[in-house]
Amino acid sequence: MYLAGEWVGAWLFMSLTFLVATAGVIGLGWWVLRGDARNRSADSVVESPPEPGHTEAHH
């Protein structure tokens, strides 16, 4: 029982560390998926079928 106080503090700090890490991973995943959804919707708006008769010159 001599080290009980140190174990409680270590457990609290490690729990806080894992909580922050989990929140960071969730936040990063949300940010990436949100950006991916925005990019996909922007791509579908920007991409339009090429005009008939429009050809690109290849050198």
Protein backbone atom coordinates (compact mmCIF):
# COMPACT_ATOMS: atom_id res chain seq x y z
CA MET A 1 0.00 0.00 0.00
CA TYR A 2 3.08 2.24 0.10
CA LEU A 3 2.86 3.18 -3.62
CA ALA A 4 -0.93 3.49 -3.80
CA GLY A 5 -0.82 7.27 -4.22
CA GLU A 6 1.62 7.07 -7.12
CA TRP A 7 -0.46 4.42 -8.87
CA VAL A 8 -3.60 6.55 -8.63
CA GLY A 9 -1.84 9.55 -10.12
CA ALA A 10 -0.25 7.48 -12.87
CA TRP A 11 -3.60 5.87 -13.70
CA LEU A 12 -5.28 9.27 -13.90
CA PHE A 13 -2.59 10.75 -16.15
CA MET A 14 -2.56 7.69 -18.42
CA SER A 15 -6.36 7.76 -18.65
CA LEU A 16 -6.22 11.44 -19.55
CA THR A 17 -3.51 10.74 -22.14
CA PHE A 18 -5.54 7.98 -23.80
CA LEU A 19 -8.67 10.13 -23.69
CA VAL A 20 -6.88 13.00 -25.45
CA ALA A 21 -5.35 10.60 -27.99
CA THR A 22 -8.73 9.03 -28.71
CA ALA A 23 -10.34 12.44 -29.14
CA GLY A 24 -7.51 13.43 -31.49
CA VAL A 25 -7.92 10.33 -33.64
CA ILE A 26 -11.68 10.79 -33.82
CA GLY A 27 -11.27 14.49 -34.64
CA LEU A 28 -8.67 13.78 -37.33
CA GLY A 29 -10.85 11.09 -38.88
CA TRP A 30 -13.85 13.40 -38.90
CA TRP A 31 -11.77 16.17 -40.51
CA VAL A 32 -10.45 13.85 -43.23
CA LEU A 33 -13.87 12.37 -44.02
CA ARG A 34 -15.47 15.83 -44.09
CA GLY A 35 -12.79 17.08 -46.48
CA ASP A 36 -13.19 13.98 -48.65
CA ALA A 37 -16.96 14.52 -48.86
CA ARG A 38 -16.41 18.20 -49.77
CA ASN A 39 -13.88 17.27 -52.45
CA ARG A 40 -16.16 14.62 -53.94
CA SER A 41 -19.11 17.02 -54.12
CA ALA A 42 -16.89 19.73 -55.64
CA ASP A 43 -15.51 17.27 -58.20
CA SER A 44 -18.98 16.23 -59.30
CA VAL A 45 -19.90 19.89 -59.86
CA VAL A 46 -16.67 20.80 -61.66
CA GLU A 47 -16.53 17.75 -63.92
CA SER A 48 -18.73 18.24 -66.94
CA PRO A 49 -18.78 16.22 -70.14
CA PRO A 50 -16.50 17.63 -72.84
CA GLU A 51 -18.14 19.68 -75.54
CA PRO A 52 -18.78 17.85 -78.81
CA GLY A 53 -16.19 18.76 -81.41
CA HIS A 54 -13.66 19.82 -78.73
CA THR A 55 -10.43 17.92 -79.23
CA GLU A 56 -7.14 18.44 -77.45
CA ALA A 57 -3.98 18.62 -79.53
CA HIS A 58 -1.37 16.07 -78.52
CA HIS A 59 2.21 16.87 -79.47
